[in-house]
PDB file of N, CA and C in Angstrom:
ATOM      1  N   MET A   1      -6.529  32.790 -38.193  1.00  0.00           N
ATOM      2  CA  MET A   1      -7.404  33.436 -36.926  1.00  0.00           C
ATOM      3  C   MET A   1      -8.814  34.040 -37.239  1.00  0.00           C
ATOM      4  N   ILE A   2      -9.793  33.996 -36.223  1.00  0.00           N
ATOM      5  CA  ILE A   2     -11.188  34.766 -36.708  1.00  0.00           C
ATOM      6  C   ILE A   2     -11.188  35.285 -35.564  1.00  0.00           C
ATOM      7  N   LEU A   3     -11.461  36.676 -35.601  1.00  0.00           N
ATOM      8  CA  LEU A   3     -11.756  37.819 -34.822  1.00  0.00           C
ATOM      9  C   LEU A   3     -13.409  37.824 -33.986  1.00  0.00           C
ATOM     10  N   VAL A   4     -13.512  37.895 -33.116  1.00  0.00           N
ATOM     11  CA  VAL A   4     -15.060  37.748 -32.641  1.00  0.00           C
ATOM     12  C   VAL A   4     -15.322  38.793 -31.815  1.00  0.00           C
ATOM     13  N   SER A   5     -16.117  39.504 -32.280  1.00  0.00           N
ATOM     14  CA  SER A   5     -16.744  40.945 -31.388  1.00  0.00           C
ATOM     15  C   SER A   5     -18.197  41.073 -30.922  1.00  0.00           C
ATOM     16  N   GLY A   6     -18.372  41.671 -29.913  1.00  0.00           N
ATOM     17  CA  GLY A   6     -19.858  41.586 -29.341  1.00  0.00           C
ATOM     18  C   GLY A   6     -19.386  41.588 -28.016  1.00  0.00           C
ATOM     19  N   GLU A   7     -20.675  41.693 -27.242  1.00  0.00           N
ATOM     20  CA  GLU A   7     -20.866  41.527 -25.901  1.00  0.00           C
ATOM     21  C   GLU A   7     -19.877  40.368 -25.069  1.00  0.00           C
ATOM     22  N   GLU A   8     -19.572  40.500 -24.490  1.00  0.00           N
ATOM     23  CA  GLU A   8     -18.279  39.529 -23.842  1.00  0.00           C
ATOM     24  C   GLU A   8     -18.669  38.248 -23.525  1.00  0.00           C
ATOM     25  N   ALA A   9     -20.068  38.145 -23.106  1.00  0.00           N
ATOM     26  CA  ALA A   9     -20.575  36.758 -22.831  1.00  0.00           C
ATOM     27  C   ALA A   9     -20.931  36.160 -23.909  1.00  0.00           C
ATOM     28  N   ARG A  10     -21.987  37.037 -24.877  1.00  0.00           N
ATOM     29  CA  ARG A  10     -22.269  36.506 -26.469  1.00  0.00           C
ATOM     30  C   ARG A  10     -20.956  35.891 -26.826  1.00  0.00           C
ATOM     31  N   VAL A  11     -19.772  36.637 -26.792  1.00  0.00           N
ATOM     32  CA  VAL A  11     -18.374  36.242 -27.892  1.00  0.00           C
ATOM     33  C   VAL A  11     -18.021  35.018 -27.111  1.00  0.00           C
ATOM     34  N   VAL A  12     -17.958  34.688 -25.807  1.00  0.00           N
ATOM     35  CA  VAL A  12     -17.646  33.552 -25.219  1.00  0.00           C
ATOM     36  C   VAL A  12     -18.177  32.365 -25.763  1.00  0.00           C
ATOM     37  N   ASP A  13     -19.622  32.383 -25.585  1.00  0.00           N
ATOM     38  CA  ASP A  13     -20.683  31.639 -26.007  1.00  0.00           C
ATOM     39  C   ASP A  13     -20.359  31.317 -27.131  1.00  0.00           C
ATOM     40  N   TYR A  14     -20.293  31.992 -28.198  1.00  0.00           N
ATOM     41  CA  TYR A  14     -20.015  31.813 -29.715  1.00  0.00           C
ATOM     42  C   TYR A  14     -18.662  31.067 -29.870  1.00  0.00           C
ATOM     43  N   ILE A  15     -17.919  31.008 -29.085  1.00  0.00           N
ATOM     44  CA  ILE A  15     -16.262  30.627 -29.436  1.00  0.00           C
ATOM     45  C   ILE A  15     -16.040  29.147 -28.941  1.00  0.00           C
ATOM     46  N   ASN A  16     -16.919  29.227 -27.692  1.00  0.00           N
ATOM     47  CA  ASN A  16     -17.388  27.904 -27.465  1.00  0.00           C
ATOM     48  C   ASN A  16     -18.373  27.129 -28.067  1.00  0.00           C
ATOM     49  N   GLU A  17     -19.176  27.335 -28.926  1.00  0.00           N
ATOM     50  CA  GLU A  17     -20.218  26.538 -29.720  1.00  0.00           C
ATOM     51  C   GLU A  17     -18.843  26.322 -31.165  1.00  0.00           C
ATOM     52  N   LYS A  18     -18.465  27.254 -31.625  1.00  0.00           N
ATOM     53  CA  LYS A  18     -17.270  26.923 -32.595  1.00  0.00           C
ATOM     54  C   LYS A  18     -16.299  25.910 -32.047  1.00  0.00           C
ATOM     55  N   ILE A  19     -15.890  26.164 -30.686  1.00  0.00           N
ATOM     56  CA  ILE A  19     -14.598  24.990 -30.502  1.00  0.00           C
ATOM     57  C   ILE A  19     -15.317  23.517 -30.536  1.00  0.00           C
ATOM     58  N   GLU A  20     -16.341  23.588 -30.043  1.00  0.00           N
ATOM     59  CA  GLU A  20     -17.238  22.259 -30.077  1.00  0.00           C
ATOM     60  C   GLU A  20     -17.340  21.532 -31.334  1.00  0.00           C
ATOM     61  N   GLU A  21     -17.565  22.641 -32.395  1.00  0.00           N
ATOM     62  CA  GLU A  21     -17.867  22.085 -33.950  1.00  0.00           C
ATOM     63  C   GLU A  21     -16.472  21.783 -34.085  1.00  0.00           C
ATOM     64  N   ALA A  22     -15.489  22.289 -33.955  1.00  0.00           N
ATOM     65  CA  ALA A  22     -14.441  22.070 -34.340  1.00  0.00           C
ATOM     66  C   ALA A  22     -13.489  20.710 -34.062  1.00  0.00           C
ATOM     67  N   HIS A  23     -13.948  20.504 -32.731  1.00  0.00           N
ATOM     68  CA  HIS A  23     -13.804  19.315 -31.889  1.00  0.00           C
ATOM     69  C   HIS A  23     -14.327  18.186 -32.674  1.00  0.00           C
ATOM     70  N   LYS A  24     -15.462  18.332 -32.842  1.00  0.00           N
ATOM     71  CA  LYS A  24     -16.099  17.354 -33.747  1.00  0.00           C
ATOM     72  C   LYS A  24     -15.781  16.567 -34.863  1.00  0.00           C
ATOM     73  N   LYS A  25     -14.883  17.686 -35.692  1.00  0.00           N
ATOM     74  CA  LYS A  25     -14.210  17.170 -36.852  1.00  0.00           C
ATOM     75  C   LYS A  25     -12.734  16.739 -36.677  1.00  0.00           C
ATOM     76  N   GLY A  26     -12.476  16.975 -35.372  1.00  0.00           N
ATOM     77  CA  GLY A  26     -11.141  16.573 -35.326  1.00  0.00           C
ATOM     78  C   GLY A  26      -9.782  17.554 -34.989  1.00  0.00           C
ATOM     79  N   GLN A  27     -10.377  18.821 -35.227  1.00  0.00           N
ATOM     80  CA  GLN A  27      -9.612  19.796 -35.218  1.00  0.00           C
ATOM     81  C   GLN A  27      -9.150  20.428 -33.783  1.00  0.00           C
ATOM     82  N   LYS A  28      -8.097  21.169 -33.762  1.00  0.00           N
ATOM     83  CA  LYS A  28      -7.403  21.579 -32.541  1.00  0.00           C
ATOM     84  C   LYS A  28      -7.773  22.777 -32.300  1.00  0.00           C
ATOM     85  N   VAL A  29      -8.056  23.710 -31.211  1.00  0.00           N
ATOM     86  CA  VAL A  29      -8.393  25.234 -31.507  1.00  0.00           C
ATOM     87  C   VAL A  29      -7.608  26.142 -30.722  1.00  0.00           C
ATOM     88  N   GLY A  30      -7.500  26.824 -30.857  1.00  0.00           N
ATOM     89  CA  GLY A  30      -6.613  27.729 -29.942  1.00  0.00           C
ATOM     90  C   GLY A  30      -7.767  29.352 -29.837  1.00  0.00           C
ATOM     91  N   VAL A  31      -7.276  29.771 -28.683  1.00  0.00           N
ATOM     92  CA  VAL A  31      -8.074  30.994 -28.289  1.00  0.00           C
ATOM     93  C   VAL A  31      -7.230  32.264 -27.484  1.00  0.00           C
ATOM     94  N   ILE A  32      -7.203  33.760 -28.116  1.00  0.00           N
ATOM     95  CA  ILE A  32      -6.831  34.339 -27.330  1.00  0.00           C
ATOM     96  C   ILE A  32      -8.128  35.347 -26.616  1.00  0.00           C
ATOM     97  N   GLY A  33      -7.648  35.373 -25.355  1.00  0.00           N
ATOM     98  CA  GLY A  33      -8.871  35.757 -24.651  1.00  0.00           C
ATOM     99  C   GLY A  33      -7.776  36.924 -23.495  1.00  0.00           C
ATOM    100  N   THR A  34      -8.742  37.408 -22.548  1.00  0.00           N
ATOM    101  CA  THR A  34      -8.043  38.192 -21.388  1.00  0.00           C
ATOM    102  C   THR A  34      -8.079  37.496 -20.236  1.00  0.00           C
ATOM    103  N   ASP A  35      -7.241  38.066 -19.163  1.00  0.00           N
ATOM    104  CA  ASP A  35      -7.277  37.653 -17.994  1.00  0.00           C
ATOM    105  C   ASP A  35      -8.503  37.216 -17.639  1.00  0.00           C
ATOM    106  N   GLU A  36      -9.614  38.199 -18.001  1.00  0.00           N
ATOM    107  CA  GLU A  36     -10.976  37.938 -17.586  1.00  0.00           C
ATOM    108  C   GLU A  36     -11.749  37.043 -17.923  1.00  0.00           C
ATOM    109  N   THR A  37     -11.305  36.445 -19.233  1.00  0.00           N
ATOM    110  CA  THR A  37     -12.001  35.616 -19.952  1.00  0.00           C
ATOM    111  C   THR A  37     -11.472  34.347 -20.209  1.00  0.00           C
ATOM    112  N   VAL A  38     -10.093  34.062 -20.040  1.00  0.00           N
ATOM    113  CA  VAL A  38      -9.589  32.788 -20.296  1.00  0.00           C
ATOM    114  C   VAL A  38     -10.176  31.200 -19.512  1.00  0.00           C
ATOM    115  N   GLY A  39     -10.423  31.845 -18.627  1.00  0.00           N
ATOM    116  CA  GLY A  39     -10.836  30.441 -18.009  1.00  0.00           C
ATOM    117  C   GLY A  39     -12.222  29.851 -18.232  1.00  0.00           C
ATOM    118  N   ALA A  40     -13.115  30.585 -19.074  1.00  0.00           N
ATOM    119  CA  ALA A  40     -14.235  30.493 -19.532  1.00  0.00           C
ATOM    120  C   ALA A  40     -14.062  29.471 -21.246  1.00  0.00           C
ATOM    121  N   TYR A  41     -13.180  29.453 -21.403  1.00  0.00           N
ATOM    122  CA  TYR A  41     -13.169  28.928 -22.876  1.00  0.00           C
ATOM    123  C   TYR A  41     -12.581  27.296 -22.560  1.00  0.00           C
ATOM    124  N   ARG A  42     -13.247  26.608 -23.569  1.00  0.00           N
ATOM    125  CA  ARG A  42     -13.010  24.918 -23.746  1.00  0.00           C
ATOM    126  C   ARG A  42     -11.714  24.471 -24.993  1.00  0.00           C
ATOM    127  N   ALA A  43     -11.231  25.067 -25.040  1.00  0.00           N
ATOM    128  CA  ALA A  43     -10.180  25.229 -26.225  1.00  0.00           C
ATOM    129  C   ALA A  43      -9.188  24.341 -26.200  1.00  0.00           C
ATOM    130  N   ASP A  44      -8.426  23.932 -26.754  1.00  0.00           N
ATOM    131  CA  ASP A  44      -7.098  22.886 -26.512  1.00  0.00           C
ATOM    132  C   ASP A  44      -5.896  24.150 -25.770  1.00  0.00           C
ATOM    133  N   VAL A  45      -5.938  25.214 -26.412  1.00  0.00           N
ATOM    134  CA  VAL A  45      -5.209  26.313 -26.158  1.00  0.00           C
ATOM    135  C   VAL A  45      -5.272  27.231 -25.861  1.00  0.00           C
ATOM    136  N   VAL A  46      -5.322  28.112 -24.722  1.00  0.00           N
ATOM    137  CA  VAL A  46      -5.980  29.296 -24.629  1.00  0.00           C
ATOM    138  C   VAL A  46      -4.575  30.413 -23.989  1.00  0.00           C
ATOM    139  N   PHE A  47      -4.356  31.494 -24.456  1.00  0.00           N
ATOM    140  CA  PHE A  47      -3.447  32.416 -24.153  1.00  0.00           C
ATOM    141  C   PHE A  47      -4.465  33.564 -23.648  1.00  0.00           C
ATOM    142  N   SER A  48      -3.856  33.968 -22.771  1.00  0.00           N
ATOM    143  CA  SER A  48      -4.306  35.888 -22.459  1.00  0.00           C
ATOM    144  C   SER A  48      -3.311  36.534 -22.865  1.00  0.00           C
ATOM    145  N   ILE A  49      -3.858  37.707 -23.369  1.00  0.00           N
ATOM    146  CA  ILE A  49      -3.319  38.722 -23.910  1.00  0.00           C
ATOM    147  C   ILE A  49      -3.018  39.833 -22.805  1.00  0.00           C
ATOM    148  N   GLY A  50      -3.929  39.713 -21.893  1.00  0.00           N
ATOM    149  CA  GLY A  50      -3.462  41.029 -21.065  1.00  0.00           C
ATOM    150  C   GLY A  50      -4.780  41.231 -20.237  1.00  0.00           C
ATOM    151  N   THR A  51      -5.230  42.017 -19.533  1.00  0.00           N
ATOM    152  CA  THR A  51      -6.276  42.508 -18.504  1.00  0.00           C
ATOM    153  C   THR A  51      -7.094  43.836 -19.538  1.00  0.00           C
ATOM    154  N   LEU A  52      -8.662  43.830 -19.506  1.00  0.00           N
ATOM    155  CA  LEU A  52      -9.346  44.519 -20.083  1.00  0.00           C
ATOM    156  C   LEU A  52      -9.082  45.964 -19.251  1.00  0.00           C
ATOM    157  N   VAL A  53      -8.577  45.861 -18.147  1.00  0.00           N
ATOM    158  CA  VAL A  53      -8.313  46.934 -17.309  1.00  0.00           C
ATOM    159  C   VAL A  53      -7.699  47.836 -17.656  1.00  0.00           C
ATOM    160  N   SER A  54      -6.440  47.099 -18.598  1.00  0.00           N
ATOM    161  CA  SER A  54      -5.282  48.207 -19.050  1.00  0.00           C
ATOM    162  C   SER A  54      -5.074  47.623 -20.637  1.00  0.00           C
ATOM    163  N   ASP A  55      -5.329  48.287 -21.521  1.00  0.00           N
ATOM    164  CA  ASP A  55      -5.046  47.844 -22.775  1.00  0.00           C
ATOM    165  C   ASP A  55      -3.626  47.764 -23.275  1.00  0.00           C
ATOM    166  N   GLU A  56      -2.738  48.711 -22.289  1.00  0.00           N
ATOM    167  CA  GLU A  56      -1.283  48.849 -22.342  1.00  0.00           C
ATOM    168  C   GLU A  56      -0.710  47.200 -22.202  1.00  0.00           C
ATOM    169  N   THR A  57      -1.309  46.621 -21.397  1.00  0.00           N
ATOM    170  CA  THR A  57      -1.075  44.782 -21.240  1.00  0.00           C
ATOM    171  C   THR A  57      -1.357  44.342 -22.502  1.00  0.00           C
ATOM    172  N   ILE A  58      -2.485  44.659 -23.057  1.00  0.00           N
ATOM    173  CA  ILE A  58      -2.915  43.979 -24.525  1.00  0.00           C
ATOM    174  C   ILE A  58      -2.093  44.233 -25.475  1.00  0.00           C
ATOM    175  N   ALA A  59      -1.441  45.766 -25.644  1.00  0.00           N
ATOM    176  CA  ALA A  59      -0.121  45.454 -26.615  1.00  0.00           C
ATOM    177  C   ALA A  59       0.836  45.007 -26.227  1.00  0.00           C
ATOM    178  N   HIS A  60       1.080  45.442 -24.960  1.00  0.00           N
ATOM    179  CA  HIS A  60       2.465  44.810 -24.777  1.00  0.00           C
ATOM    180  C   HIS A  60       2.877  43.322 -24.978  1.00  0.00           C
ATOM    181  N   ASP A  61       1.550  42.534 -24.574  1.00  0.00           N
ATOM    182  CA  ASP A  61       1.780  40.995 -24.633  1.00  0.00           C
ATOM    183  C   ASP A  61       1.039  40.466 -26.115  1.00  0.00           C
ATOM    184  N   MET A  62       0.389  41.561 -27.033  1.00  0.00           N
ATOM    185  CA  MET A  62       0.025  40.932 -28.357  1.00  0.00           C
ATOM    186  C   MET A  62       1.001  40.011 -29.473  1.00  0.00           C
ATOM    187  N   TYR A  63       2.283  40.466 -29.427  1.00  0.00           N
ATOM    188  CA  TYR A  63       3.436  40.027 -29.974  1.00  0.00           C
ATOM    189  C   TYR A  63       3.930  38.406 -29.332  1.00  0.00           C
ATOM    190  N   ASP A  64       3.891  38.731 -28.426  1.00  0.00           N
ATOM    191  CA  ASP A  64       4.341  37.328 -27.690  1.00  0.00           C
ATOM    192  C   ASP A  64       2.835  36.501 -27.688  1.00  0.00           C
ATOM    193  N   VAL A  65       1.849  36.494 -27.611  1.00  0.00           N
ATOM    194  CA  VAL A  65       0.856  35.229 -27.860  1.00  0.00           C
ATOM    195  C   VAL A  65       0.505  35.221 -29.427  1.00  0.00           C
ATOM    196  N   LEU A  66       1.034  36.032 -30.150  1.00  0.00           N
ATOM    197  CA  LEU A  66       0.866  35.608 -31.429  1.00  0.00           C
ATOM    198  C   LEU A  66       2.147  34.815 -32.159  1.00  0.00           C
ATOM    199  N   ARG A  67       3.135  35.087 -31.278  1.00  0.00           N
ATOM    200  CA  ARG A  67       4.499  33.956 -31.646  1.00  0.00           C
ATOM    201  C   ARG A  67       4.388  32.582 -30.889  1.00  0.00           C
ATOM    202  N   ARG A  68       3.718  32.686 -30.002  1.00  0.00           N
ATOM    203  CA  ARG A  68       3.297  31.505 -29.214  1.00  0.00           C
ATOM    204  C   ARG A  68       2.618  30.314 -29.673  1.00  0.00           C
ATOM    205  N   PHE A  69       1.589  31.062 -30.595  1.00  0.00           N
ATOM    206  CA  PHE A  69       0.778  30.152 -31.448  1.00  0.00           C
ATOM    207  C   PHE A  69       1.271  29.532 -32.555  1.00  0.00           C
ATOM    208  N   ASN A  70       2.639  30.289 -32.822  1.00  0.00           N
ATOM    209  CA  ASN A  70       3.550  29.761 -34.156  1.00  0.00           C
ATOM    210  C   ASN A  70       4.046  28.393 -33.676  1.00  0.00           C
ATOM    211  N   HIS A  71       4.333  28.075 -32.308  1.00  0.00           N
ATOM    212  CA  HIS A  71       4.672  26.993 -31.628  1.00  0.00           C
ATOM    213  C   HIS A  71       3.837  25.905 -31.155  1.00  0.00           C
ATOM    214  N   GLU A  72       2.503  26.113 -31.406  1.00  0.00           N
ATOM    215  CA  GLU A  72       1.456  25.278 -31.260  1.00  0.00           C
ATOM    216  C   GLU A  72       0.591  24.510 -32.782  1.00  0.00           C
ATOM    217  N   GLU A  73       0.520  23.432 -32.313  1.00  0.00           N
ATOM    218  CA  GLU A  73      -0.270  22.658 -33.353  1.00  0.00           C
ATOM    219  C   GLU A  73      -1.298  22.710 -33.474  1.00  0.00           C
ATOM    220  N   ILE A  74      -1.721  23.700 -33.679  1.00  0.00           N
ATOM    221  CA  ILE A  74      -3.761  24.440 -34.095  1.00  0.00           C
ATOM    222  C   ILE A  74      -3.846  24.432 -35.057  1.00  0.00           C
ATOM    223  N   ASP A  75      -5.344  24.102 -35.480  1.00  0.00           N
ATOM    224  CA  ASP A  75      -5.829  24.247 -36.932  1.00  0.00           C
ATOM    225  C   ASP A  75      -6.606  25.764 -36.906  1.00  0.00           C
ATOM    226  N   LEU A  76      -6.953  26.228 -35.869  1.00  0.00           N
ATOM    227  CA  LEU A  76      -7.885  27.406 -35.801  1.00  0.00           C
ATOM    228  C   LEU A  76      -7.602  28.107 -34.701  1.00  0.00           C
ATOM    229  N   ILE A  77      -7.889  29.247 -34.629  1.00  0.00           N
ATOM    230  CA  ILE A  77      -7.607  30.121 -33.568  1.00  0.00           C
ATOM    231  C   ILE A  77      -9.033  31.116 -33.425  1.00  0.00           C
ATOM    232  N   TYR A  78      -9.415  31.446 -32.455  1.00  0.00           N
ATOM    233  CA  TYR A  78     -10.481  32.569 -32.129  1.00  0.00           C
ATOM    234  C   TYR A  78      -9.620  33.405 -31.127  1.00  0.00           C
ATOM    235  N   SER A  79      -9.787  34.852 -31.318  1.00  0.00           N
ATOM    236  CA  SER A  79      -9.734  35.683 -30.859  1.00  0.00           C
ATOM    237  C   SER A  79     -10.949  36.839 -30.658  1.00  0.00           C
ATOM    238  N   GLU A  80     -10.530  37.086 -28.886  1.00  0.00           N
ATOM    239  CA  GLU A  80     -11.420  38.122 -28.600  1.00  0.00           C
ATOM    240  C   GLU A  80     -11.120  39.417 -29.534  1.00  0.00           C
ATOM    241  N   VAL A  81     -11.986  40.687 -29.853  1.00  0.00           N
ATOM    242  CA  VAL A  81     -11.964  41.888 -30.625  1.00  0.00           C
ATOM    243  C   VAL A  81     -11.485  43.000 -29.222  1.00  0.00           C
ATOM    244  N   PHE A  82     -10.478  43.961 -29.535  1.00  0.00           N
ATOM    245  CA  PHE A  82      -9.668  44.503 -28.296  1.00  0.00           C
ATOM    246  C   PHE A  82      -9.776  45.794 -28.953  1.00  0.00           C
ATOM    247  N   GLU A  83     -10.518  46.691 -28.722  1.00  0.00           N
ATOM    248  CA  GLU A  83     -11.261  47.890 -29.908  1.00  0.00           C
ATOM    249  C   GLU A  83     -10.950  49.027 -28.885  1.00  0.00           C
ATOM    250  N   SER A  84     -10.945  49.015 -27.548  1.00  0.00           N
ATOM    251  CA  SER A  84     -11.399  50.138 -26.874  1.00  0.00           C
ATOM    252  C   SER A  84      -9.878  50.599 -25.999  1.00  0.00           C
ATOM    253  N   GLY A  85      -9.978  51.808 -25.357  1.00  0.00           N
ATOM    254  CA  GLY A  85      -8.747  52.541 -25.411  1.00  0.00           C
ATOM    255  C   GLY A  85      -7.807  53.038 -25.615  1.00  0.00           C
ATOM    256  N   GLN A  86      -6.548  53.485 -25.300  1.00  0.00           N
ATOM    257  CA  GLN A  86      -5.671  54.576 -26.441  1.00  0.00           C
ATOM    258  C   GLN A  86      -4.896  53.609 -27.135  1.00  0.00           C
ATOM    259  N   ASN A  87      -4.534  52.074 -27.025  1.00  0.00           N
ATOM    260  CA  ASN A  87      -3.987  51.445 -27.926  1.00  0.00           C
ATOM    261  C   ASN A  87      -4.926  50.237 -28.915  1.00  0.00           C
ATOM    262  N   GLY A  88      -6.354  50.751 -28.720  1.00  0.00           N
ATOM    263  CA  GLY A  88      -7.110  49.898 -29.529  1.00  0.00           C
ATOM    264  C   GLY A  88      -7.010  49.712 -31.150  1.00  0.00           C
ATOM    265  N   PHE A  89      -7.084  50.841 -31.405  1.00  0.00           N
ATOM    266  CA  PHE A  89      -6.670  51.093 -32.740  1.00  0.00           C
ATOM    267  C   PHE A  89      -5.255  50.318 -33.249  1.00  0.00           C
ATOM    268  N   ALA A  90      -4.461  50.212 -32.498  1.00  0.00           N
ATOM    269  CA  ALA A  90      -3.285  49.878 -33.214  1.00  0.00           C
ATOM    270  C   ALA A  90      -3.455  48.249 -33.017  1.00  0.00           C
ATOM    271  N   ILE A  91      -3.859  47.883 -31.655  1.00  0.00           N
ATOM    272  CA  ILE A  91      -4.088  46.387 -31.476  1.00  0.00           C
ATOM    273  C   ILE A  91      -5.237  45.704 -32.619  1.00  0.00           C
ATOM    274  N   MET A  92      -5.798  46.472 -32.786  1.00  0.00           N
ATOM    275  CA  MET A  92      -6.646  45.644 -34.242  1.00  0.00           C
ATOM    276  C   MET A  92      -5.850  46.126 -35.144  1.00  0.00           C
ATOM    277  N   ASN A  93      -5.219  46.894 -35.849  1.00  0.00           N
ATOM    278  CA  ASN A  93      -4.745  47.009 -37.341  1.00  0.00           C
ATOM    279  C   ASN A  93      -4.101  45.727 -36.901  1.00  0.00           C
ATOM    280  N   ARG A  94      -2.723  45.477 -35.785  1.00  0.00           N
ATOM    281  CA  ARG A  94      -2.470  44.033 -36.359  1.00  0.00           C
ATOM    282  C   ARG A  94      -2.902  43.132 -35.870  1.00  0.00           C
ATOM    283  N   LEU A  95      -4.157  42.783 -35.130  1.00  0.00           N
ATOM    284  CA  LEU A  95      -4.759  41.564 -35.336  1.00  0.00           C
ATOM    285  C   LEU A  95      -5.956  41.243 -36.407  1.00  0.00           C
ATOM    286  N   MET A  96      -6.379  42.476 -37.224  1.00  0.00           N
ATOM    287  CA  MET A  96      -6.685  41.701 -38.246  1.00  0.00           C
ATOM    288  C   MET A  96      -5.751  41.541 -39.287  1.00  0.00           C
ATOM    289  N   LYS A  97      -4.471  42.345 -39.532  1.00  0.00           N
ATOM    290  CA  LYS A  97      -3.492  41.723 -40.191  1.00  0.00           C
ATOM    291  C   LYS A  97      -3.506  40.018 -40.389  1.00  0.00           C
ATOM    292  N   ALA A  98      -3.419  39.569 -39.285  1.00  0.00           N
ATOM    293  CA  ALA A  98      -2.781  38.184 -38.383  1.00  0.00           C
ATOM    294  C   ALA A  98      -4.305  37.519 -39.169  1.00  0.00           C
ATOM    295  N   ALA A  99      -5.506  37.992 -38.970  1.00  0.00           N
ATOM    296  CA  ALA A  99      -6.752  37.498 -38.841  1.00  0.00           C
ATOM    297  C   ALA A  99      -6.856  37.226 -40.506  1.00  0.00           C
ATOM    298  N   GLY A 100      -5.903  37.930 -41.153  1.00  0.00           N
ATOM    299  CA  GLY A 100      -6.538  37.920 -42.601  1.00  0.00           C
ATOM    300  C   GLY A 100      -7.745  39.029 -42.937  1.00  0.00           C
ATOM    301  N   HIS A 101      -8.134  39.614 -42.051  1.00  0.00           N
ATOM    302  CA  HIS A 101      -9.343  40.824 -41.957  1.00  0.00           C
ATOM    303  C   HIS A 101     -10.804  39.967 -42.141  1.00  0.00           C
ATOM    304  N   GLU A 102     -10.459  38.318 -41.397  1.00  0.00           N
ATOM    305  CA  GLU A 102     -12.009  37.774 -40.937  1.00  0.00           C
ATOM    306  C   GLU A 102     -12.277  38.064 -39.425  1.00  0.00           C
ATOM    307  N   ARG A 103     -12.976  38.871 -39.617  1.00  0.00           N
ATOM    308  CA  ARG A 103     -13.856  39.397 -38.304  1.00  0.00           C
ATOM    309  C   ARG A 103     -15.449  38.918 -38.523  1.00  0.00           C
ATOM    310  N   ILE A 104     -16.045  38.519 -37.468  1.00  0.00           N
ATOM    311  CA  ILE A 104     -17.450  38.111 -36.966  1.00  0.00           C
ATOM    312  C   ILE A 104     -17.993  38.622 -35.899  1.00  0.00           C
ATOM    313  N   ASP A 105     -18.959  39.548 -36.388  1.00  0.00           N
ATOM    314  CA  ASP A 105     -19.680  40.867 -35.214  1.00  0.00           C
ATOM    315  C   ASP A 105     -20.761  40.123 -34.791  1.00  0.00           C
ATOM    316  N   ILE A 106     -21.112  39.835 -33.493  1.00  0.00           N
ATOM    317  CA  ILE A 106     -22.493  39.189 -33.053  1.00  0.00           C
ATOM    318  C   ILE A 106     -23.261  39.697 -32.180  1.00  0.00           C
TER     319      ILE A 106
END
């Protein structure tokens, strides 16, 4: 998994570019986004982790989304970064571990 941080529109554009590159290589791509962004991604599998309005939904749904990807045949996963809110540190701590600390700031 690769975490992508930056302004929302730039993150969506960057991830979609990477999805296109991966598809050209025959790879299947998954994305972890939010209720606000999932419709913008052109990945093979896209899961919402919750809403930006409430980081509690993100904290609550995070493990479920990660488990759901375990059942998908995906070569590469991109995730938005979720640092804000009361639970931001705990959310990012878990996602950084899942990503092997691979993060791109754009």
